[in-house]
């Protein structure tokens, strides 16, 4: 999980429900973002020779123009 979070930015915490696989369709992580850089809304994950997109949803971002 830290490897996937590392593709976004610096992972700080994986929530217990995610770590213990209590939820099936999404992971919740605390990530330290550098907001002076572009942020990603999708990353590609490769697992066992299979590549698939993973959508990223951010919570708690400040309201400012990203352009």
PDB file of N, CA and C in Angstrom:
ATOM      1  N   UNK A   1       0.823  -1.193   0.000  1.00  0.00           N
ATOM      2  CA  UNK A   1       0.000   0.000   0.000  1.00  0.00           C
ATOM      3  C   UNK A   1       0.871   1.263   0.000  1.00  0.00           C
ATOM      4  N   UNK A   2       1.987   1.238   0.754  1.00  0.00           N
ATOM      5  CA  UNK A   2       2.871   2.397   0.772  1.00  0.00           C
ATOM      6  C   UNK A   2       3.480   2.659  -0.601  1.00  0.00           C
ATOM      7  N   UNK A   3       3.685   1.618  -1.395  1.00  0.00           N
ATOM      8  CA  UNK A   3       4.241   1.793  -2.729  1.00  0.00           C
ATOM      9  C   UNK A   3       3.274   2.561  -3.620  1.00  0.00           C
ATOM     10  N   UNK A   4       2.006   2.223  -3.539  1.00  0.00           N
ATOM     11  CA  UNK A   4       0.993   2.925  -4.334  1.00  0.00           C
ATOM     12  C   UNK A   4       0.861   4.365  -3.859  1.00  0.00           C
ATOM     13  N   UNK A   5       0.809   4.572  -2.550  1.00  0.00           N
ATOM     14  CA  UNK A   5       0.711   5.929  -2.002  1.00  0.00           C
ATOM     15  C   UNK A   5       1.940   6.746  -2.372  1.00  0.00           C
ATOM     16  N   UNK A   6       3.102   6.106  -2.441  1.00  0.00           N
ATOM     17  CA  UNK A   6       4.327   6.795  -2.808  1.00  0.00           C
ATOM     18  C   UNK A   6       4.302   7.332  -4.228  1.00  0.00           C
ATOM     19  N   UNK A   7       3.468   6.777  -5.074  1.00  0.00           N
ATOM     20  CA  UNK A   7       3.324   7.289  -6.430  1.00  0.00           C
ATOM     21  C   UNK A   7       2.602   8.633  -6.429  1.00  0.00           C
ATOM     22  N   UNK A   8       1.854   8.915  -5.368  1.00  0.00           N
ATOM     23  CA  UNK A   8       1.131  10.178  -5.247  1.00  0.00           C
ATOM     24  C   UNK A   8       2.047  11.217  -4.607  1.00  0.00           C
ATOM     25  N   UNK A   9       2.523  10.942  -3.422  1.00  0.00           N
ATOM     26  CA  UNK A   9       3.469  11.774  -2.674  1.00  0.00           C
ATOM     27  C   UNK A   9       3.988  10.959  -1.508  1.00  0.00           C
ATOM     28  N   UNK A  10       4.310  11.605  -0.408  1.00  0.00           N
ATOM     29  CA  UNK A  10       4.899  10.928   0.744  1.00  0.00           C
ATOM     30  C   UNK A  10       3.806  10.357   1.646  1.00  0.00           C
ATOM     31  N   UNK A  11       3.699   9.025   1.741  1.00  0.00           N
ATOM     32  CA  UNK A  11       2.670   8.434   2.616  1.00  0.00           C
ATOM     33  C   UNK A  11       3.049   8.610   4.090  1.00  0.00           C
ATOM     34  N   UNK A  12       2.070   9.001   4.907  1.00  0.00           N
ATOM     35  CA  UNK A  12       2.295   9.197   6.332  1.00  0.00           C
ATOM     36  C   UNK A  12       1.590   8.139   7.173  1.00  0.00           C
ATOM     37  N   UNK A  13       0.383   7.729   6.743  1.00  0.00           N
ATOM     38  CA  UNK A  13      -0.425   6.828   7.551  1.00  0.00           C
ATOM     39  C   UNK A  13      -1.384   6.046   6.664  1.00  0.00           C
ATOM     40  N   UNK A  14      -1.519   4.775   6.951  1.00  0.00           N
ATOM     41  CA  UNK A  14      -2.560   3.959   6.330  1.00  0.00           C
ATOM     42  C   UNK A  14      -3.604   3.704   7.406  1.00  0.00           C
ATOM     43  N   UNK A  15      -4.844   4.064   7.153  1.00  0.00           N
ATOM     44  CA  UNK A  15      -5.903   3.893   8.135  1.00  0.00           C
ATOM     45  C   UNK A  15      -6.114   2.412   8.446  1.00  0.00           C
ATOM     46  N   UNK A  16      -6.478   2.105   9.688  1.00  0.00           N
ATOM     47  CA  UNK A  16      -6.626   0.720  10.140  1.00  0.00           C
ATOM     48  C   UNK A  16      -7.585  -0.089   9.275  1.00  0.00           C
ATOM     49  N   UNK A  17      -8.693   0.503   8.873  1.00  0.00           N
ATOM     50  CA  UNK A  17      -9.667  -0.218   8.050  1.00  0.00           C
ATOM     51  C   UNK A  17      -9.046  -0.637   6.719  1.00  0.00           C
ATOM     52  N   UNK A  18      -8.177   0.208   6.178  1.00  0.00           N
ATOM     53  CA  UNK A  18      -7.480  -0.130   4.941  1.00  0.00           C
ATOM     54  C   UNK A  18      -6.419  -1.185   5.204  1.00  0.00           C
ATOM     55  N   UNK A  19      -5.635  -0.978   6.245  1.00  0.00           N
ATOM     56  CA  UNK A  19      -4.546  -1.902   6.562  1.00  0.00           C
ATOM     57  C   UNK A  19      -5.067  -3.306   6.852  1.00  0.00           C
ATOM     58  N   UNK A  20      -6.210  -3.395   7.518  1.00  0.00           N
ATOM     59  CA  UNK A  20      -6.792  -4.687   7.879  1.00  0.00           C
ATOM     60  C   UNK A  20      -7.783  -5.208   6.844  1.00  0.00           C
ATOM     61  N   UNK A  21      -7.874  -4.511   5.697  1.00  0.00           N
ATOM     62  CA  UNK A  21      -8.745  -4.893   4.579  1.00  0.00           C
ATOM     63  C   UNK A  21     -10.202  -5.073   4.999  1.00  0.00           C
ATOM     64  N   UNK A  22     -10.712  -4.122   5.780  1.00  0.00           N
ATOM     65  CA  UNK A  22     -12.107  -4.167   6.203  1.00  0.00           C
ATOM     66  C   UNK A  22     -13.045  -3.580   5.154  1.00  0.00           C
ATOM     67  N   UNK A  23     -12.512  -2.766   4.243  1.00  0.00           N
ATOM     68  CA  UNK A  23     -13.281  -2.220   3.131  1.00  0.00           C
ATOM     69  C   UNK A  23     -12.751  -2.840   1.857  1.00  0.00           C
ATOM     70  N   UNK A  24     -13.626  -3.087   0.905  1.00  0.00           N
ATOM     71  CA  UNK A  24     -13.202  -3.825  -0.266  1.00  0.00           C
ATOM     72  C   UNK A  24     -12.835  -3.030  -1.494  1.00  0.00           C
ATOM     73  N   UNK A  25     -13.337  -1.800  -1.662  1.00  0.00           N
ATOM     74  CA  UNK A  25     -13.186  -1.147  -2.955  1.00  0.00           C
ATOM     75  C   UNK A  25     -12.332   0.108  -2.950  1.00  0.00           C
ATOM     76  N   UNK A  26     -11.872   0.545  -1.812  1.00  0.00           N
ATOM     77  CA  UNK A  26     -11.006   1.714  -1.798  1.00  0.00           C
ATOM     78  C   UNK A  26     -10.081   1.667  -0.589  1.00  0.00           C
ATOM     79  N   UNK A  27      -9.018   2.445  -0.685  1.00  0.00           N
ATOM     80  CA  UNK A  27      -8.053   2.561   0.410  1.00  0.00           C
ATOM     81  C   UNK A  27      -8.052   4.003   0.884  1.00  0.00           C
ATOM     82  N   UNK A  28      -7.862   4.198   2.178  1.00  0.00           N
ATOM     83  CA  UNK A  28      -7.796   5.538   2.726  1.00  0.00           C
ATOM     84  C   UNK A  28      -6.419   5.725   3.349  1.00  0.00           C
ATOM     85  N   UNK A  29      -5.733   6.773   2.896  1.00  0.00           N
ATOM     86  CA  UNK A  29      -4.367   7.033   3.309  1.00  0.00           C
ATOM     87  C   UNK A  29      -4.191   8.501   3.650  1.00  0.00           C
ATOM     88  N   UNK A  30      -3.257   8.787   4.529  1.00  0.00           N
ATOM     89  CA  UNK A  30      -2.846  10.158   4.802  1.00  0.00           C
ATOM     90  C   UNK A  30      -1.535  10.366   4.068  1.00  0.00           C
ATOM     91  N   UNK A  31      -1.511  11.364   3.170  1.00  0.00           N
ATOM     92  CA  UNK A  31      -0.357  11.603   2.320  1.00  0.00           C
ATOM     93  C   UNK A  31       0.049  13.065   2.446  1.00  0.00           C
ATOM     94  N   UNK A  32       1.343  13.302   2.583  1.00  0.00           N
ATOM     95  CA  UNK A  32       1.885  14.658   2.633  1.00  0.00           C
ATOM     96  C   UNK A  32       2.075  15.140   1.202  1.00  0.00           C
ATOM     97  N   UNK A  33       1.275  16.140   0.795  1.00  0.00           N
ATOM     98  CA  UNK A  33       1.317  16.641  -0.577  1.00  0.00           C
ATOM     99  C   UNK A  33       2.088  17.944  -0.668  1.00  0.00           C
ATOM    100  N   UNK A  34       2.889  18.084  -1.714  1.00  0.00           N
ATOM    101  CA  UNK A  34       3.526  19.348  -2.049  1.00  0.00           C
ATOM    102  C   UNK A  34       2.595  20.032  -3.040  1.00  0.00           C
ATOM    103  N   UNK A  35       1.820  20.998  -2.569  1.00  0.00           N
ATOM    104  CA  UNK A  35       0.800  21.625  -3.417  1.00  0.00           C
ATOM    105  C   UNK A  35       1.379  22.626  -4.411  1.00  0.00           C
ATOM    106  N   UNK A  36       2.686  22.824  -4.395  1.00  0.00           N
ATOM    107  CA  UNK A  36       3.297  23.657  -5.427  1.00  0.00           C
ATOM    108  C   UNK A  36       3.525  22.851  -6.702  1.00  0.00           C
ATOM    109  N   UNK A  37       3.350  21.532  -6.628  1.00  0.00           N
ATOM    110  CA  UNK A  37       3.485  20.647  -7.789  1.00  0.00           C
ATOM    111  C   UNK A  37       2.104  20.191  -8.238  1.00  0.00           C
ATOM    112  N   UNK A  38       2.022  19.674  -9.462  1.00  0.00           N
ATOM    113  CA  UNK A  38       0.761  19.121  -9.966  1.00  0.00           C
ATOM    114  C   UNK A  38       0.383  17.899  -9.140  1.00  0.00           C
ATOM    115  N   UNK A  39      -0.914  17.729  -8.894  1.00  0.00           N
ATOM    116  CA  UNK A  39      -1.378  16.535  -8.203  1.00  0.00           C
ATOM    117  C   UNK A  39      -2.058  15.627  -9.221  1.00  0.00           C
ATOM    118  N   UNK A  40      -2.012  14.334  -8.965  1.00  0.00           N
ATOM    119  CA  UNK A  40      -2.560  13.339  -9.873  1.00  0.00           C
ATOM    120  C   UNK A  40      -3.956  12.933  -9.424  1.00  0.00           C
ATOM    121  N   UNK A  41      -4.830  12.705 -10.384  1.00  0.00           N
ATOM    122  CA  UNK A  41      -6.165  12.212 -10.091  1.00  0.00           C
ATOM    123  C   UNK A  41      -6.336  10.769 -10.549  1.00  0.00           C
ATOM    124  N   UNK A  42      -5.277  10.208 -11.130  1.00  0.00           N
ATOM    125  CA  UNK A  42      -5.273   8.811 -11.540  1.00  0.00           C
ATOM    126  C   UNK A  42      -3.823   8.356 -11.656  1.00  0.00           C
ATOM    127  N   UNK A  43      -3.556   7.139 -11.199  1.00  0.00           N
ATOM    128  CA  UNK A  43      -2.242   6.535 -11.378  1.00  0.00           C
ATOM    129  C   UNK A  43      -2.437   5.151 -11.989  1.00  0.00           C
ATOM    130  N   UNK A  44      -1.396   4.650 -12.619  1.00  0.00           N
ATOM    131  CA  UNK A  44      -1.422   3.302 -13.174  1.00  0.00           C
ATOM    132  C   UNK A  44      -0.674   2.375 -12.222  1.00  0.00           C
ATOM    133  N   UNK A  45      -1.292   1.255 -11.883  1.00  0.00           N
ATOM    134  CA  UNK A  45      -0.709   0.276 -10.973  1.00  0.00           C
ATOM    135  C   UNK A  45      -0.445  -1.007 -11.746  1.00  0.00           C
ATOM    136  N   UNK A  46       0.743  -1.562 -11.555  1.00  0.00           N
ATOM    137  CA  UNK A  46       1.074  -2.824 -12.204  1.00  0.00           C
ATOM    138  C   UNK A  46       1.214  -3.893 -11.134  1.00  0.00           C
ATOM    139  N   UNK A  47       0.500  -5.002 -11.333  1.00  0.00           N
ATOM    140  CA  UNK A  47       0.520  -6.100 -10.378  1.00  0.00           C
ATOM    141  C   UNK A  47       0.477  -7.410 -11.151  1.00  0.00           C
ATOM    142  N   UNK A  48       1.478  -8.240 -10.956  1.00  0.00           N
ATOM    143  CA  UNK A  48       1.567  -9.560 -11.601  1.00  0.00           C
ATOM    144  C   UNK A  48       1.430  -9.450 -13.120  1.00  0.00           C
ATOM    145  N   UNK A  49       2.088  -8.444 -13.710  1.00  0.00           N
ATOM    146  CA  UNK A  49       2.063  -8.288 -15.158  1.00  0.00           C
ATOM    147  C   UNK A  49       0.801  -7.661 -15.711  1.00  0.00           C
ATOM    148  N   UNK A  50      -0.112  -7.237 -14.856  1.00  0.00           N
ATOM    149  CA  UNK A  50      -1.370  -6.621 -15.275  1.00  0.00           C
ATOM    150  C   UNK A  50      -1.362  -5.164 -14.825  1.00  0.00           C
ATOM    151  N   UNK A  51      -1.683  -4.247 -15.715  1.00  0.00           N
ATOM    152  CA  UNK A  51      -1.705  -2.820 -15.393  1.00  0.00           C
ATOM    153  C   UNK A  51      -3.137  -2.317 -15.410  1.00  0.00           C
ATOM    154  N   UNK A  52      -3.495  -1.523 -14.385  1.00  0.00           N
ATOM    155  CA  UNK A  52      -4.847  -0.972 -14.307  1.00  0.00           C
ATOM    156  C   UNK A  52      -4.808   0.416 -13.683  1.00  0.00           C
ATOM    157  N   UNK A  53      -5.760   1.298 -14.065  1.00  0.00           N
ATOM    158  CA  UNK A  53      -5.794   2.646 -13.505  1.00  0.00           C
ATOM    159  C   UNK A  53      -6.462   2.651 -12.128  1.00  0.00           C
ATOM    160  N   UNK A  54      -5.977   3.522 -11.261  1.00  0.00           N
ATOM    161  CA  UNK A  54      -6.565   3.718  -9.938  1.00  0.00           C
ATOM    162  C   UNK A  54      -6.894   5.200  -9.809  1.00  0.00           C
ATOM    163  N   UNK A  55      -8.150   5.506  -9.557  1.00  0.00           N
ATOM    164  CA  UNK A  55      -8.601   6.881  -9.391  1.00  0.00           C
ATOM    165  C   UNK A  55      -8.216   7.395  -8.010  1.00  0.00           C
ATOM    166  N   UNK A  56      -7.753   8.646  -7.950  1.00  0.00           N
ATOM    167  CA  UNK A  56      -7.349   9.268  -6.698  1.00  0.00           C
ATOM    168  C   UNK A  56      -8.372  10.343  -6.351  1.00  0.00           C
ATOM    169  N   UNK A  57      -8.879  10.310  -5.129  1.00  0.00           N
ATOM    170  CA  UNK A  57      -9.797  11.338  -4.641  1.00  0.00           C
ATOM    171  C   UNK A  57      -9.172  11.946  -3.393  1.00  0.00           C
ATOM    172  N   UNK A  58      -9.087  13.262  -3.371  1.00  0.00           N
ATOM    173  CA  UNK A  58      -8.474  13.975  -2.258  1.00  0.00           C
ATOM    174  C   UNK A  58      -9.545  14.564  -1.350  1.00  0.00           C
ATOM    175  N   UNK A  59      -9.296  14.549  -0.057  1.00  0.00           N
ATOM    176  CA  UNK A  59     -10.187  15.174   0.925  1.00  0.00           C
ATOM    177  C   UNK A  59      -9.404  16.272   1.640  1.00  0.00           C
ATOM    178  N   UNK A  60     -10.043  17.375   1.883  1.00  0.00           N
ATOM    179  CA  UNK A  60      -9.429  18.430   2.683  1.00  0.00           C
ATOM    180  C   UNK A  60      -8.431  19.308   1.946  1.00  0.00           C
ATOM    181  N   UNK A  61      -8.490  19.339   0.613  1.00  0.00           N
ATOM    182  CA  UNK A  61      -7.591  20.254  -0.106  1.00  0.00           C
ATOM    183  C   UNK A  61      -8.076  21.680   0.082  1.00  0.00           C
ATOM    184  N   UNK A  62      -7.157  22.640   0.204  1.00  0.00           N
ATOM    185  CA  UNK A  62      -7.580  24.032   0.333  1.00  0.00           C
ATOM    186  C   UNK A  62      -8.178  24.540  -0.980  1.00  0.00           C
ATOM    187  N   UNK A  63      -9.034  25.546  -0.885  1.00  0.00           N
ATOM    188  CA  UNK A  63      -9.641  26.145  -2.079  1.00  0.00           C
ATOM    189  C   UNK A  63      -8.699  27.201  -2.656  1.00  0.00           C
ATOM    190  N   UNK A  64      -8.043  26.858  -3.756  1.00  0.00           N
ATOM    191  CA  UNK A  64      -7.256  27.814  -4.499  1.00  0.00           C
ATOM    192  C   UNK A  64      -7.120  27.314  -5.915  1.00  0.00           C
ATOM    193  N   UNK A  65      -6.754  28.208  -6.795  1.00  0.00           N
ATOM    194  CA  UNK A  65      -6.657  27.875  -8.214  1.00  0.00           C
ATOM    195  C   UNK A  65      -5.417  27.042  -8.465  1.00  0.00           C
ATOM    196  N   UNK A  66      -5.578  25.924  -9.177  1.00  0.00           N
ATOM    197  CA  UNK A  66      -4.450  25.044  -9.474  1.00  0.00           C
ATOM    198  C   UNK A  66      -3.819  25.380 -10.833  1.00  0.00           C
ATOM    199  N   UNK A  67      -4.268  26.448 -11.491  1.00  0.00           N
ATOM    200  CA  UNK A  67      -3.744  26.802 -12.823  1.00  0.00           C
ATOM    201  C   UNK A  67      -2.855  28.008 -12.737  1.00  0.00           C
TER     202      UNK A  67
END
